[in-house]
Amino acid sequence: MSNSPAVAAQVAALLARAAEAWRSGYAMEAEALLEQARQLDPKRTEVLVTLGMMHTSAGRPAEALPLLRRAVSLRPALAVAHGNLGLALSALRRTRRR
């Protein structure tokens, strides 16, 4: 849980691998890689937002909400976090109406 350069490099590598897995259609692998990154650096907003977006895209917006709310609390000016939070909330409302 250190902010050392070695941990930052590991997280960056996991993010890159997760992005490639996602683009290749391996959503579960991408999520697992992002969870590893989150364990290493739980305050990395890029990890939180990306994982939240993946949960929302997979039809699990309730799982996305705490991640995206955390990202917004860590970086209130991060527009992508607010946007993805809005998408997750909207998706959650749609699923509850059914």
Foldseek 3Di string as FASTA:
>chain_A
DDPDPVLVVQLVVLQVVLVVCVVVPNLVSSLVSLVVNCVSPVQPLVSLLVNLLSCVVVLNLVVNQVSLVSSCVSPVVPVSSVVSNVSSVVSVVVVVVD
